C-alpha atoms as a PDB file:
ATOM      1  CA  MET A   1     -17.748  13.429  27.217  1.00  0.00           C
ATOM      2  CA  GLY A   2     -19.161  10.190  25.776  1.00  0.00           C
ATOM      3  CA  ARG A   3     -18.000  11.179  22.302  1.00  0.00           C
ATOM      4  CA  VAL A   4     -14.405  11.233  23.519  1.00  0.00           C
ATOM      5  CA  LEU A   5     -14.446   8.556  26.225  1.00  0.00           C
ATOM      6  CA  LEU A   6     -16.311   5.749  24.439  1.00  0.00           C
ATOM      7  CA  PRO A   7     -13.934   5.394  21.461  1.00  0.00           C
ATOM      8  CA  VAL A   8     -10.973   5.327  23.862  1.00  0.00           C
ATOM      9  CA  VAL A   9     -12.594   2.612  25.997  1.00  0.00           C
ATOM     10  CA  VAL A  10     -13.515   0.614  22.885  1.00  0.00           C
ATOM     11  CA  ARG A  11      -9.933   0.780  21.625  1.00  0.00           C
ATOM     12  CA  ILE A  12      -8.472  -0.250  24.980  1.00  0.00           C
ATOM     13  CA  VAL A  13     -10.884  -3.160  25.473  1.00  0.00           C
ATOM     14  CA  SER A  14     -10.418  -4.260  21.855  1.00  0.00           C
ATOM     15  CA  ALA A  15      -6.645  -4.189  22.239  1.00  0.00           C
ATOM     16  CA  LEU A  16      -6.765  -6.173  25.484  1.00  0.00           C
ATOM     17  CA  LEU A  17      -9.104  -8.785  24.017  1.00  0.00           C
ATOM     18  CA  ALA A  18      -6.934  -9.034  20.901  1.00  0.00           C
ATOM     19  CA  LEU A  19      -3.793  -9.530  23.018  1.00  0.00           C
ATOM     20  CA  ALA A  20      -5.532 -12.209  25.081  1.00  0.00           C
ATOM     21  CA  LEU A  21      -6.653 -14.042  21.936  1.00  0.00           C
ATOM     22  CA  ILE A  22      -3.162 -13.802  20.440  1.00  0.00           C
ATOM     23  CA  ALA A  23      -1.612 -15.203  23.638  1.00  0.00           C
ATOM     24  CA  LEU A  24      -4.117 -18.079  23.727  1.00  0.00           C
ATOM     25  CA  GLY A  25      -3.488 -18.749  20.045  1.00  0.00           C
ATOM     26  CA  VAL A  26       0.289 -18.860  20.541  1.00  0.00           C
ATOM     27  CA  VAL A  27      -0.081 -21.291  23.468  1.00  0.00           C
ATOM     28  CA  ALA A  28      -2.504 -23.480  21.497  1.00  0.00           C
ATOM     29  CA  ILE A  29      -0.273 -23.531  18.413  1.00  0.00           C
ATOM     30  CA  ALA A  30       2.820 -24.335  20.502  1.00  0.00           C
ATOM     31  CA  GLU A  31       1.021 -27.188  22.250  1.00  0.00           C
ATOM     32  CA  VAL A  32      -0.360 -28.615  18.981  1.00  0.00           C
ATOM     33  CA  VAL A  33       3.039 -28.412  17.270  1.00  0.00           C
ATOM     34  CA  GLY A  34       4.691 -29.956  20.347  1.00  0.00           C
ATOM     35  CA  ALA A  35       2.227 -32.853  20.294  1.00  0.00           C
ATOM     36  CA  TRP A  36       2.701 -33.237  16.536  1.00  0.00           C
ATOM     37  CA  LEU A  37       6.472 -33.456  16.969  1.00  0.00           C
ATOM     38  CA  GLY A  38       6.014 -36.096  19.662  1.00  0.00           C
ATOM     39  CA  HIS A  39       6.966 -34.023  22.713  1.00  0.00           C
ATOM     40  CA  ASP A  40       5.854 -35.704  25.924  1.00  0.00           C
ATOM     41  CA  GLY A  41       3.870 -33.416  28.217  1.00  0.00           C
ATOM     42  CA  TRP A  42       3.132 -29.760  27.751  1.00  0.00           C
ATOM     43  CA  VAL A  43       5.440 -27.395  25.862  1.00  0.00           C
ATOM     44  CA  LEU A  44       4.587 -24.011  27.397  1.00  0.00           C
ATOM     45  CA  LEU A  45       2.205 -24.968  30.195  1.00  0.00           C
ATOM     46  CA  PRO A  46       3.291 -26.700  33.424  1.00  0.00           C
ATOM     47  CA  ASP A  47       3.397 -30.505  33.282  1.00  0.00           C
ATOM     48  CA  ASP A  48       0.588 -30.863  35.824  1.00  0.00           C
ATOM     49  CA  THR A  49      -1.853 -28.820  33.704  1.00  0.00           C
ATOM     50  CA  SER A  50      -3.867 -31.899  32.632  1.00  0.00           C
ATOM     51  CA  GLU A  51      -4.203 -33.020  36.209  1.00  0.00           C
ATOM     52  CA  ARG A  52      -5.230 -29.558  37.421  1.00  0.00           C
ATOM     53  CA  LEU A  53      -7.799 -29.180  34.654  1.00  0.00           C
ATOM     54  CA  THR A  54      -9.394 -32.550  35.451  1.00  0.00           C
ATOM     55  CA  ARG A  55      -9.421 -31.752  39.193  1.00  0.00           C
ATOM     56  CA  TRP A  56     -11.297 -28.498  38.753  1.00  0.00           C
ATOM     57  CA  ARG A  57     -14.903 -28.738  39.789  1.00  0.00           C
ATOM     58  CA  TRP A  58     -17.817 -26.547  38.714  1.00  0.00           C
ATOM     59  CA  ASP A  59     -18.651 -25.806  42.341  1.00  0.00           C
ATOM     60  CA  ASP A  60     -15.083 -24.627  43.100  1.00  0.00           C
ATOM     61  CA  LEU A  61     -14.883 -20.928  44.060  1.00  0.00           C
ATOM     62  CA  THR A  62     -12.051 -20.267  41.582  1.00  0.00           C
ATOM     63  CA  THR A  63     -14.069 -21.783  38.752  1.00  0.00           C
ATOM     64  CA  ARG A  64     -17.094 -19.686  39.625  1.00  0.00           C
ATOM     65  CA  TRP A  65     -15.089 -16.461  39.683  1.00  0.00           C
ATOM     66  CA  LEU A  66     -13.426 -17.370  36.396  1.00  0.00           C
ATOM     67  CA  ILE A  67     -16.819 -17.930  34.758  1.00  0.00           C
ATOM     68  CA  VAL A  68     -18.226 -14.710  36.248  1.00  0.00           C
ATOM     69  CA  GLY A  69     -15.167 -12.807  35.011  1.00  0.00           C
ATOM     70  CA  LEU A  70     -15.561 -14.243  31.507  1.00  0.00           C
ATOM     71  CA  PHE A  71     -19.263 -13.338  31.413  1.00  0.00           C
ATOM     72  CA  VAL A  72     -18.602  -9.800  32.659  1.00  0.00           C
ATOM     73  CA  THR A  73     -15.836  -9.330  30.070  1.00  0.00           C
ATOM     74  CA  ALA A  74     -18.111 -10.658  27.333  1.00  0.00           C
ATOM     75  CA  ALA A  75     -20.965  -8.366  28.475  1.00  0.00           C
ATOM     76  CA  VAL A  76     -18.705  -5.294  28.468  1.00  0.00           C
ATOM     77  CA  ALA A  77     -17.327  -6.191  25.029  1.00  0.00           C
ATOM     78  CA  LEU A  78     -20.872  -6.690  23.707  1.00  0.00           C
ATOM     79  CA  ALA A  79     -22.083  -3.395  25.201  1.00  0.00           C
ATOM     80  CA  LEU A  80     -19.159  -1.528  23.663  1.00  0.00           C
ATOM     81  CA  ALA A  81     -19.790  -3.165  20.303  1.00  0.00           C
ATOM     82  CA  ILE A  82     -23.463  -2.156  20.364  1.00  0.00           C
ATOM     83  CA  ALA A  83     -22.869   1.394  21.699  1.00  0.00           C
ATOM     84  CA  ARG A  84     -23.621   4.222  19.293  1.00  0.00           C
ATOM     85  CA  PRO A  85     -20.392   5.662  17.886  1.00  0.00           C
ATOM     86  CA  ALA A  86     -19.733   9.317  17.127  1.00  0.00           C
ATOM     87  CA  PRO A  87     -21.662  10.513  14.054  1.00  0.00           C
ATOM     88  CA  MET A  88     -19.736   9.989  10.848  1.00  0.00           C
ATOM     89  CA  THR A  89     -21.886  12.402   8.843  1.00  0.00           C
ATOM     90  CA  VAL A  90     -23.355  15.884   9.267  1.00  0.00           C
ATOM     91  CA  LEU A  91     -26.703  16.967   7.809  1.00  0.00           C
ATOM     92  CA  ALA A  92     -26.867  19.764   5.254  1.00  0.00           C
ATOM     93  CA  ASP A  93     -29.745  22.200   4.714  1.00  0.00           C
ATOM     94  CA  ARG A  94     -30.727  20.302   1.578  1.00  0.00           C
ATOM     95  CA  PRO A  95     -32.976  17.276   2.013  1.00  0.00           C
ATOM     96  CA  SER A  96     -31.231  13.895   2.108  1.00  0.00           C
ATOM     97  CA  VAL A  97     -27.741  15.415   1.790  1.00  0.00           C
ATOM     98  CA  ARG A  98     -25.112  14.469   4.357  1.00  0.00           C
ATOM     99  CA  PHE A  99     -21.440  15.405   4.597  1.00  0.00           C
ATOM    100  CA  GLU A 100     -18.803  13.012   5.841  1.00  0.00           C
ATOM    101  CA  ARG A 101     -17.708  14.571   9.135  1.00  0.00           C
ATOM    102  CA  HIS A 102     -13.950  14.186   8.767  1.00  0.00           C
ATOM    103  CA  ALA A 103     -13.931  15.494   5.192  1.00  0.00           C
ATOM    104  CA  LEU A 104     -16.077  18.481   6.230  1.00  0.00           C
ATOM    105  CA  GLU A 105     -13.748  19.281   9.133  1.00  0.00           C
ATOM    106  CA  ARG A 106     -10.688  19.033   6.864  1.00  0.00           C
ATOM    107  CA  ALA A 107     -12.269  21.204   4.132  1.00  0.00           C
ATOM    108  CA  LEU A 108     -13.296  23.912   6.599  1.00  0.00           C
ATOM    109  CA  ALA A 109      -9.869  23.805   8.277  1.00  0.00           C
ATOM    110  CA  ASP A 110      -8.169  24.215   4.884  1.00  0.00           C
ATOM    111  CA  ASP A 111     -10.436  27.188   4.068  1.00  0.00           C
ATOM    112  CA  LEU A 112      -9.818  28.838   7.439  1.00  0.00           C
ATOM    113  CA  ASP A 113      -6.089  28.165   7.388  1.00  0.00           C
ATOM    114  CA  ALA A 114      -5.845  30.529   4.411  1.00  0.00           C
ATOM    115  CA  VAL A 115      -7.207  33.451   6.470  1.00  0.00           C
ATOM    116  CA  ASP A 116      -4.586  36.156   7.054  1.00  0.00           C
ATOM    117  CA  GLY A 117      -3.249  35.913  10.589  1.00  0.00           C
ATOM    118  CA  VAL A 118      -4.255  32.296  11.270  1.00  0.00           C
ATOM    119  CA  ASP A 119      -1.300  30.089  12.179  1.00  0.00           C
ATOM    120  CA  ARG A 120      -3.174  26.980  13.176  1.00  0.00           C
ATOM    121  CA  VAL A 121      -6.824  25.953  13.042  1.00  0.00           C
ATOM    122  CA  ALA A 122      -8.789  22.984  14.387  1.00  0.00           C
ATOM    123  CA  VAL A 123     -12.394  22.242  13.403  1.00  0.00           C
ATOM    124  CA  ARG A 124     -14.795  19.815  15.124  1.00  0.00           C
ATOM    125  CA  ALA A 125     -18.221  19.172  13.631  1.00  0.00           C
ATOM    126  CA  ASP A 126     -21.165  17.178  14.875  1.00  0.00           C
ATOM    127  CA  GLU A 127     -24.890  17.130  14.228  1.00  0.00           C
ATOM    128  CA  ARG A 128     -25.514  20.180  16.456  1.00  0.00           C
ATOM    129  CA  GLN A 129     -22.650  22.601  15.913  1.00  0.00           C
ATOM    130  CA  ILE A 130     -19.267  23.358  14.422  1.00  0.00           C
ATOM    131  CA  VAL A 131     -16.484  24.409  16.777  1.00  0.00           C
ATOM    132  CA  VAL A 132     -13.480  26.267  15.350  1.00  0.00           C
ATOM    133  CA  ARG A 133     -10.296  26.980  17.309  1.00  0.00           C
ATOM    134  CA  ALA A 134      -7.870  29.269  15.569  1.00  0.00           C
ATOM    135  CA  GLU A 135      -4.481  30.392  16.820  1.00  0.00           C
ATOM    136  CA  THR A 136      -2.552  33.463  15.761  1.00  0.00           C
ATOM    137  CA  ALA A 137       0.946  34.594  16.573  1.00  0.00           C
ATOM    138  CA  ARG A 138       0.848  37.684  14.381  1.00  0.00           C
ATOM    139  CA  ARG A 139       0.568  41.250  15.584  1.00  0.00           C
ATOM    140  CA  LEU A 140      -3.081  41.358  14.556  1.00  0.00           C
ATOM    141  CA  SER A 141      -5.484  41.476  17.447  1.00  0.00           C
ATOM    142  CA  ALA A 142      -7.432  38.360  18.307  1.00  0.00           C
ATOM    143  CA  GLU A 143     -10.652  40.267  17.515  1.00  0.00           C
ATOM    144  CA  GLN A 144      -9.477  41.060  13.965  1.00  0.00           C
ATOM    145  CA  VAL A 145      -8.572  37.435  13.339  1.00  0.00           C
ATOM    146  CA  HIS A 146     -11.861  36.311  14.924  1.00  0.00           C
ATOM    147  CA  THR A 147     -13.827  38.565  12.565  1.00  0.00           C
ATOM    148  CA  SER A 148     -11.912  37.307   9.511  1.00  0.00           C
ATOM    149  CA  VAL A 149     -12.320  33.657  10.535  1.00  0.00           C
ATOM    150  CA  ASP A 150     -16.019  34.206  11.256  1.00  0.00           C
ATOM    151  CA  GLN A 151     -16.577  35.793   7.809  1.00  0.00           C
ATOM    152  CA  ARG A 152     -14.667  33.032   5.977  1.00  0.00           C
ATOM    153  CA  LEU A 153     -16.525  30.346   7.942  1.00  0.00           C
ATOM    154  CA  ALA A 154     -19.896  31.946   7.115  1.00  0.00           C
ATOM    155  CA  GLU A 155     -18.925  32.019   3.402  1.00  0.00           C
ATOM    156  CA  SER A 156     -17.841  28.374   3.497  1.00  0.00           C
ATOM    157  CA  LEU A 157     -21.004  27.256   5.273  1.00  0.00           C
ATOM    158  CA  GLU A 158     -23.149  29.238   2.830  1.00  0.00           C
ATOM    159  CA  ARG A 159     -21.330  27.683  -0.129  1.00  0.00           C
ATOM    160  CA  LEU A 160     -21.934  24.211   1.336  1.00  0.00           C
ATOM    161  CA  ARG A 161     -25.500  25.147   2.377  1.00  0.00           C
ATOM    162  CA  LEU A 162     -24.747  24.065   5.886  1.00  0.00           C
ATOM    163  CA  GLY A 163     -26.662  26.234   8.339  1.00  0.00           C
ATOM    164  CA  GLN A 164     -25.193  24.946  11.580  1.00  0.00           C
ATOM    165  CA  PRO A 165     -24.556  27.139  14.620  1.00  0.00           C
ATOM    166  CA  THR A 166     -20.867  27.809  15.018  1.00  0.00           C
ATOM    167  CA  ASP A 167     -18.594  28.517  17.934  1.00  0.00           C
ATOM    168  CA  VAL A 168     -15.395  30.345  16.950  1.00  0.00           C
ATOM    169  CA  ARG A 169     -12.546  30.784  19.417  1.00  0.00           C
ATOM    170  CA  VAL A 170      -9.334  32.616  18.554  1.00  0.00           C
ATOM    171  CA  GLU A 171      -6.315  32.376  20.815  1.00  0.00           C
ATOM    172  CA  ARG A 172      -3.327  34.631  20.524  1.00  0.00           C
ATOM    173  CA  THR A 173       0.003  32.869  21.023  1.00  0.00           C
ATOM    174  CA  ASN A 174       3.310  34.586  21.563  1.00  0.00           C
ATOM    175  CA  PRO A 175       5.634  34.448  18.560  1.00  0.00           C
END
């Protein structure tokens, strides 16, 4: 669950923080350019912004909540930045040899896609196991395709010297 959820949360929070920084940058640039061109008052912000900013007090409830919100946002962003991402490599049986996870998944999927009866294949690899989902729409039984995929996967893993436990699922789809 964390392998799927954390990257999504990181992307969403990163996008929101990026949009906020872009919006603040646009406002700042507009105000600086407006002042440079000699515009009296604020360009994008209300004219009473200076007065409101000087009236704000540190003991004001709104100011406190704004500061708490900024600290919470910064803490969440920091926690997401420090969080351990999904593994990018997979260990082989040979000492100090690692495979790049995405390349391994693509290579195994290409091997298994050539199996007779396989219409579509998806491979997910991590440090513990390799999960293969194959779909067939041919008249072959799912068991026949499962056996063929299992044999080809065993050959591929042997060739790569990757002795990971595998989970093979074959689904039969209607043509």
